[in-house]
Amino acid sequence: MTNINYQCNGLESITDFVRWGGSLFKSANLFFGHGTDNAFDEARVLVFFALRLPDDIPKNYWQARLSLSERQTVTDLFKQRIETRKPAAYLTGEAWFAGMRFIVNESTLVPRSPIAELIANDFHGWVNGEDVTSVLDMCTGSGCIGIATLQACPNATVDLVDLSAEALNVAQQNIDYYELNDYVKAIQSDLFANLQGKKYDLIVSNPPYVDQIEMDALPEEFQQEPRLGLESGVDGLDLTRKMLAQAANFLNEDGVLIVEVGVSQFYLEQAYPELPFYWFEFENGGEGVFAIHKSELEVYQAILDEGVQPFHAS
C-alpha cells in the first residue's frame, strides 16, 4: 500500500475534507460498490456521518469549518477505511436502501440490490401492491428488502427469513427502528424448512449467488462481508436451485417469485431452459433479477416429480 499522509494541516471546510478524503482513497486504490461508486462520494458519506449532517444540507454549509475534534474524527474514519478496507457502511453502522435508513454490520451484506428500483416502481406488471397481503423476504440479511417492500405493498405482513442468527438480530433491530413488529417478523430458517403451512403473494430474494471463480477474485472490500451471504457453489446457484424447486408450495394462487442472481444469470438460463424467466431491465444499474409466476414453477415441479433432472451448468 502507498504510504498515506494523514496530516490535514490547512484543511478547514466540509468541502476541504471531502476533497481530501477522495484523494486519499484514490491514492490507496480502494474499491467502491457498497452504496457509492467513487472515492469522493465515499468520503462525503464518512464526513457527513462524522458531522451528523443530513444529505440535503444547503450549499453554503459546505464551507462551514470543522472544529479540531471534528477534524480528528473525520481523519480517524478515513484511516479506518483505508487500513481495514471495510466499506463505509460498516464504519458508520448504517446504509440506505430504497430511500430508507438501515442498521448494518459485518453479519449482513451492505444493501445495494437493484430490487430497490422494483419497489420504487411498485413491482409494476407483476403484483397489485394494494392487494398483496403476505410477503416473504428470503435470505433477508439486514431485512432491507422485505421492510422496504411495504412501500409498494402497504397492506402486507412480511416474513424476514435467514439462516444466520446474527443477521436476523440486525433485521430485528431494523424492525424495531421502524416500529413494525405488528407487521414484520424475523424467522430463522434454512430456506423454507421452518415455514411449513405458510403461503405468500410475493416471495422476493437476494440470495447468495457468487460462483467460486468470482468469489476467489472479489476485491478486499467484498471479502469483509459474510461469506454466507455471498458464495453459493461452483456456479452460484446452489440456493436458487432449491428455491425454484420449493417456492411454488409456498406461493398463493397468482403468486410471484422474484430473485436476484446477478452475474449467475448466464448459468441459470443454461441450467433451466424450460423455465420462462422474465429478466428485468434497470434504469439505475444492476442486472440478473428475474420474476416467475407460481403456475410456471408448478410446471417445473411436475418435471421434477416425474424424476427428470434439469441440466446443471458445470
Protein backbone atom coordinates (compact mmCIF):
# COMPACT_ATOMS: atom_id res chain seq x y z
CA MET A 1 0.00 0.00 0.00
CA THR A 2 1.17 3.53 -0.76
CA ASN A 3 2.30 5.40 2.35
CA ILE A 4 -0.57 7.66 3.35
CA ASN A 5 -0.07 11.06 4.95
CA TYR A 6 -2.96 11.72 7.33
CA GLN A 7 -1.88 15.24 8.23
CA CYS A 8 -4.75 17.62 7.47
CA ASN A 9 -2.92 20.90 8.02
CA GLY A 10 -4.58 23.76 6.17
CA LEU A 11 -7.89 21.96 5.70
CA GLU A 12 -10.88 23.70 7.24
CA SER A 13 -14.21 23.26 5.48
CA ILE A 14 -16.51 20.33 4.73
CA THR A 15 -15.56 20.74 1.09
CA ASP A 16 -11.87 20.55 2.00
CA PHE A 17 -12.29 17.29 3.88
CA VAL A 18 -14.47 15.60 1.27
CA ARG A 19 -11.93 16.53 -1.40
CA TRP A 20 -9.05 15.34 0.78
CA GLY A 21 -10.75 12.06 1.63
CA GLY A 22 -11.46 11.35 -2.02
CA SER A 23 -7.82 11.97 -2.86
CA LEU A 24 -6.66 9.69 -0.03
CA PHE A 25 -8.97 6.90 -1.17
CA LYS A 26 -7.83 7.14 -4.75
CA SER A 27 -4.18 7.05 -3.66
CA ALA A 28 -4.91 3.92 -1.59
CA ASN A 29 -6.62 2.22 -4.56
CA LEU A 30 -9.75 1.44 -2.59
CA PHE A 31 -12.66 -0.37 -4.22
CA PHE A 32 -16.19 1.02 -4.17
CA GLY A 33 -19.53 -0.67 -4.69
CA HIS A 34 -21.31 -0.67 -1.34
CA GLY A 35 -23.63 2.28 -1.81
CA THR A 36 -21.15 4.53 -3.60
CA ASP A 37 -19.18 4.02 -6.79
CA ASN A 38 -16.36 6.55 -6.41
CA ALA A 39 -13.84 7.87 -3.90
CA PHE A 40 -15.38 11.30 -3.38
CA ASP A 41 -18.90 10.05 -2.66
CA GLU A 42 -17.41 7.57 -0.19
CA ALA A 43 -15.55 10.42 1.51
CA ARG A 44 -18.73 12.50 1.65
CA VAL A 45 -20.59 9.64 3.39
CA LEU A 46 -17.95 9.45 6.09
CA VAL A 47 -17.64 13.22 6.55
CA PHE A 48 -21.40 13.71 6.80
CA PHE A 49 -21.70 10.82 9.24
CA ALA A 50 -18.93 12.22 11.46
CA LEU A 51 -20.57 15.64 11.48
CA ARG A 52 -24.12 14.25 11.86
CA LEU A 53 -25.27 16.11 8.77
CA PRO A 54 -28.26 15.25 6.56
CA ASP A 55 -27.62 14.64 2.87
CA ASP A 56 -29.59 17.70 1.80
CA ILE A 57 -27.71 20.48 3.59
CA PRO A 58 -27.78 23.89 1.86
CA LYS A 59 -24.83 24.55 -0.42
CA ASN A 60 -23.44 27.29 1.81
CA TYR A 61 -22.97 24.74 4.62
CA TRP A 62 -20.26 23.06 2.58
CA GLN A 63 -17.99 25.96 3.51
CA ALA A 64 -18.56 25.55 7.25
CA ARG A 65 -15.35 24.97 9.21
CA LEU A 66 -14.74 21.85 11.24
CA SER A 67 -13.69 22.03 14.88
CA LEU A 68 -10.44 20.37 15.93
CA SER A 69 -12.28 17.37 17.38
CA GLU A 70 -14.38 17.02 14.22
CA ARG A 71 -11.24 17.06 12.08
CA GLN A 72 -9.78 14.26 14.20
CA THR A 73 -12.98 12.20 13.97
CA VAL A 74 -13.08 12.52 10.19
CA THR A 75 -9.38 11.71 9.88
CA ASP A 76 -9.83 8.60 12.04
CA LEU A 77 -12.67 7.39 9.82
CA PHE A 78 -10.61 7.92 6.68
CA LYS A 79 -7.74 5.99 8.26
CA GLN A 80 -10.03 3.10 9.22
CA ARG A 81 -11.49 2.97 5.72
CA ILE A 82 -8.04 2.72 4.18
CA GLU A 83 -6.34 0.40 6.65
CA THR A 84 -9.21 -2.06 7.22
CA ARG A 85 -10.74 -1.88 3.72
CA LYS A 86 -14.12 -2.04 5.39
CA PRO A 87 -16.90 -0.43 3.33
CA ALA A 88 -18.10 2.88 4.73
CA ALA A 89 -21.39 1.29 5.83
CA TYR A 90 -19.57 -0.96 8.30
CA LEU A 91 -17.77 2.05 9.78
CA THR A 92 -20.95 4.08 10.16
CA GLY A 93 -23.23 1.15 11.05
CA GLU A 94 -25.85 2.28 8.58
CA ALA A 95 -26.76 2.13 4.91
CA TRP A 96 -29.53 3.49 2.74
CA PHE A 97 -31.82 1.34 0.61
CA ALA A 98 -34.95 2.38 -1.28
CA GLY A 99 -34.76 5.75 0.45
CA MET A 100 -34.71 4.20 3.92
CA ARG A 101 -32.01 4.00 6.58
CA PHE A 102 -30.98 0.54 7.74
CA ILE A 103 -28.72 -0.64 10.52
CA VAL A 104 -25.97 -2.92 9.19
CA ASN A 105 -22.86 -4.66 10.46
CA GLU A 106 -20.40 -7.32 9.38
CA SER A 107 -23.07 -10.02 9.86
CA THR A 108 -25.06 -8.65 6.91
CA LEU A 109 -24.34 -7.64 3.36
CA VAL A 110 -24.35 -3.92 2.66
CA PRO A 111 -27.71 -3.19 0.94
CA ARG A 112 -27.30 -2.45 -2.77
CA SER A 113 -29.77 -4.66 -4.64
CA PRO A 114 -31.44 -3.29 -7.80
CA ILE A 115 -34.64 -4.72 -6.35
CA ALA A 116 -34.93 -1.25 -4.78
CA GLU A 117 -35.92 0.01 -8.24
CA LEU A 118 -38.65 -2.63 -8.49
CA ILE A 119 -40.00 -1.49 -5.12
CA ALA A 120 -39.99 2.13 -6.29
CA ASN A 121 -41.99 1.03 -9.34
CA ASP A 122 -44.45 -0.96 -7.18
CA PHE A 123 -43.39 -4.22 -8.87
CA HIS A 124 -45.28 -2.92 -11.88
CA GLY A 125 -46.83 -5.63 -14.03
CA TRP A 126 -46.27 -8.42 -11.51
CA VAL A 127 -48.39 -7.70 -8.47
CA ASN A 128 -51.02 -5.19 -7.44
CA GLY A 129 -49.39 -3.81 -4.35
CA GLU A 130 -52.65 -2.86 -2.65
CA ASP A 131 -53.85 -6.47 -2.92
CA VAL A 132 -50.68 -8.12 -1.59
CA THR A 133 -51.25 -9.31 1.97
CA SER A 134 -48.21 -11.52 2.55
CA VAL A 135 -44.56 -11.14 1.54
CA LEU A 136 -41.55 -13.35 2.17
CA ASP A 137 -38.04 -11.87 2.01
CA MET A 138 -35.84 -14.96 1.72
CA CYS A 139 -32.15 -14.63 2.70
CA THR A 140 -33.07 -11.29 4.21
CA GLY A 141 -29.79 -10.20 5.84
CA SER A 142 -30.49 -6.78 7.33
CA GLY A 143 -34.16 -7.03 6.36
CA CYS A 144 -33.89 -4.11 3.97
CA ILE A 145 -35.74 -5.65 1.01
CA GLY A 146 -38.65 -7.01 3.00
CA ILE A 147 -39.12 -3.86 5.07
CA ALA A 148 -38.80 -1.58 2.04
CA THR A 149 -41.35 -3.73 0.17
CA LEU A 150 -44.01 -2.25 2.45
CA GLN A 151 -43.66 0.93 0.39
CA ALA A 152 -45.15 -0.95 -2.57
CA CYS A 153 -47.35 -3.35 -0.58
CA PRO A 154 -48.72 -1.28 2.32
CA ASN A 155 -51.33 -3.85 3.37
CA ALA A 156 -48.91 -6.76 3.69
CA THR A 157 -47.35 -8.62 6.54
CA VAL A 158 -43.73 -9.58 5.90
CA ASP A 159 -41.60 -12.52 6.99
CA LEU A 160 -37.85 -11.91 7.01
CA VAL A 161 -36.07 -15.26 6.73
CA ASP A 162 -32.39 -16.06 7.08
CA LEU A 163 -30.21 -18.93 8.24
CA SER A 164 -27.90 -16.59 10.16
CA ALA A 165 -28.98 -15.74 13.71
CA GLU A 166 -26.53 -12.82 13.67
CA ALA A 167 -28.10 -11.36 10.53
CA LEU A 168 -31.59 -11.79 11.98
CA ASN A 169 -30.52 -9.86 15.06
CA VAL A 170 -29.73 -6.94 12.77
CA ALA A 171 -33.02 -7.43 10.90
CA GLN A 172 -34.88 -7.29 14.23
CA GLN A 173 -33.13 -4.03 15.07
CA ASN A 174 -34.45 -2.60 11.81
CA ILE A 175 -37.95 -3.88 12.55
CA ASP A 176 -37.74 -2.14 15.92
CA TYR A 177 -36.29 1.03 14.37
CA TYR A 178 -39.33 1.39 12.11
CA GLU A 179 -41.77 0.13 14.80
CA LEU A 180 -43.02 -2.66 12.56
CA ASN A 181 -43.31 -5.54 14.99
CA ASP A 182 -47.05 -5.83 14.27
CA TYR A 183 -46.37 -6.31 10.56
CA VAL A 184 -42.88 -7.77 10.12
CA LYS A 185 -41.40 -10.91 11.68
CA ALA A 186 -37.84 -12.25 11.63
CA ILE A 187 -37.65 -16.05 11.28
CA GLN A 188 -34.56 -18.26 11.39
CA SER A 189 -34.85 -20.96 8.74
CA ASP A 190 -32.78 -22.86 6.22
CA LEU A 191 -34.76 -21.58 3.23
CA PHE A 192 -38.34 -22.92 3.59
CA ALA A 193 -37.62 -25.50 6.32
CA ASN A 194 -39.38 -23.62 9.14
CA LEU A 195 -42.17 -22.13 7.02
CA GLN A 196 -44.43 -25.14 6.68
CA GLY A 197 -48.07 -24.15 6.15
CA LYS A 198 -47.25 -20.57 5.17
CA LYS A 199 -48.30 -19.05 1.84
CA TYR A 200 -47.27 -15.76 0.26
CA ASP A 201 -48.46 -13.49 -2.52
CA LEU A 202 -44.89 -12.41 -3.19
CA ILE A 203 -41.56 -14.06 -2.46
CA VAL A 204 -38.57 -11.82 -3.09
CA SER A 205 -34.98 -12.84 -2.55
CA ASN A 206 -31.42 -11.64 -2.91
CA PRO A 207 -29.72 -14.94 -2.03
CA PRO A 208 -26.02 -15.78 -2.16
CA TYR A 209 -25.15 -16.11 -5.85
CA VAL A 210 -21.40 -15.62 -6.22
CA ASP A 211 -19.74 -18.50 -8.08
CA GLN A 212 -16.43 -19.97 -6.97
CA ILE A 213 -14.27 -18.22 -9.59
CA GLU A 214 -15.75 -14.82 -8.84
CA MET A 215 -15.57 -15.44 -5.08
CA ASP A 216 -11.83 -16.01 -5.27
CA ALA A 217 -11.39 -12.78 -7.23
CA LEU A 218 -13.51 -10.44 -5.09
CA PRO A 219 -11.87 -7.16 -4.01
CA GLU A 220 -10.88 -6.94 -0.36
CA GLU A 221 -13.88 -4.73 0.47
CA PHE A 222 -16.23 -7.55 -0.54
CA GLN A 223 -14.19 -10.02 1.46
CA GLN A 224 -15.26 -8.07 4.56
CA GLU A 225 -18.83 -9.22 4.03
CA PRO A 226 -20.09 -12.56 5.39
CA ARG A 227 -19.24 -15.41 3.01
CA LEU A 228 -22.57 -17.00 3.94
CA GLY A 229 -24.29 -14.11 2.19
CA LEU A 230 -22.16 -14.30 -0.97
CA GLU A 231 -20.99 -17.74 -2.06
CA SER A 232 -23.31 -20.39 -3.42
CA GLY A 233 -21.40 -23.22 -5.03
CA VAL A 234 -19.46 -23.65 -8.25
CA ASP A 235 -21.92 -21.73 -10.43
CA GLY A 236 -23.51 -19.56 -7.75
CA LEU A 237 -26.89 -21.29 -7.96
CA ASP A 238 -26.97 -23.73 -5.05
CA LEU A 239 -29.66 -21.84 -3.12
CA THR A 240 -31.52 -20.63 -6.19
CA ARG A 241 -32.00 -24.23 -7.35
CA LYS A 242 -33.59 -25.11 -4.03
CA MET A 243 -35.90 -22.09 -4.17
CA LEU A 244 -37.04 -22.93 -7.69
CA ALA A 245 -37.85 -26.47 -6.58
CA GLN A 246 -39.81 -25.43 -3.47
CA ALA A 247 -41.22 -21.93 -3.94
CA ALA A 248 -44.48 -22.96 -5.64
CA ASN A 249 -45.52 -24.77 -2.47
CA PHE A 250 -45.30 -21.50 -0.55
CA LEU A 251 -47.00 -19.19 -3.04
CA ASN A 252 -50.68 -18.35 -3.17
CA GLU A 253 -52.51 -18.64 -6.47
CA ASP A 254 -51.22 -15.92 -8.82
CA GLY A 255 -48.19 -15.63 -6.53
CA VAL A 256 -44.84 -14.41 -7.87
CA LEU A 257 -41.22 -15.27 -7.13
CA ILE A 258 -38.60 -12.54 -7.71
CA VAL A 259 -34.94 -13.47 -7.26
CA GLU A 260 -31.62 -11.71 -7.85
CA VAL A 261 -28.86 -13.92 -9.24
CA GLY A 262 -26.57 -11.21 -10.64
CA VAL A 263 -23.86 -12.42 -12.96
CA SER A 264 -25.04 -16.01 -12.46
CA GLN A 265 -27.90 -15.21 -14.87
CA PHE A 266 -25.95 -16.93 -17.65
CA TYR A 267 -25.63 -20.16 -15.68
CA LEU A 268 -29.31 -20.06 -14.68
CA GLU A 269 -30.51 -19.73 -18.25
CA GLN A 270 -28.28 -22.60 -19.29
CA ALA A 271 -29.43 -24.79 -16.40
CA TYR A 272 -33.17 -24.17 -16.80
CA PRO A 273 -34.03 -23.61 -20.47
CA GLU A 274 -37.55 -24.89 -19.78
CA LEU A 275 -38.37 -22.06 -17.33
CA PRO A 276 -39.73 -18.78 -18.78
CA PHE A 277 -37.79 -16.34 -16.62
CA TYR A 278 -38.62 -12.67 -17.07
CA TRP A 279 -35.45 -10.60 -16.70
CA PHE A 280 -35.85 -7.02 -15.52
CA GLU A 281 -34.02 -4.11 -17.08
CA PHE A 282 -32.92 -1.36 -14.70
CA GLU A 283 -32.54 2.36 -15.31
CA ASN A 284 -30.30 2.84 -12.27
CA GLY A 285 -27.88 -0.04 -12.84
CA GLY A 286 -27.96 -3.69 -11.89
CA GLU A 287 -28.66 -6.98 -13.60
CA GLY A 288 -29.69 -10.56 -13.11
CA VAL A 289 -33.10 -10.23 -11.41
CA PHE A 290 -35.88 -12.50 -12.64
CA ALA A 291 -39.58 -12.94 -11.96
CA ILE A 292 -41.67 -16.05 -12.49
CA HIS A 293 -45.27 -16.98 -11.66
CA LYS A 294 -46.33 -19.82 -9.41
CA SER A 295 -48.08 -21.56 -12.32
CA GLU A 296 -44.83 -21.66 -14.27
CA LEU A 297 -42.96 -23.04 -11.26
CA GLU A 298 -45.60 -25.76 -10.89
CA VAL A 299 -44.85 -26.99 -14.40
CA TYR A 300 -41.20 -27.23 -13.42
CA GLN A 301 -42.14 -29.01 -10.19
CA ALA A 302 -44.11 -31.56 -12.20
CA ILE A 303 -41.00 -32.28 -14.24
CA LEU A 304 -39.05 -32.91 -11.03
CA ASP A 305 -41.80 -35.16 -9.69
CA GLU A 306 -41.51 -37.28 -12.81
CA GLY A 307 -37.85 -37.77 -11.99
CA VAL A 308 -36.48 -35.74 -14.88
CA GLN A 309 -33.49 -33.76 -13.65
CA PRO A 310 -32.76 -30.42 -15.33
CA PHE A 311 -29.35 -29.80 -16.82
CA HIS A 312 -26.90 -28.31 -14.30
CA ALA A 313 -24.19 -26.00 -15.57
CA SER A 314 -20.72 -27.16 -14.70
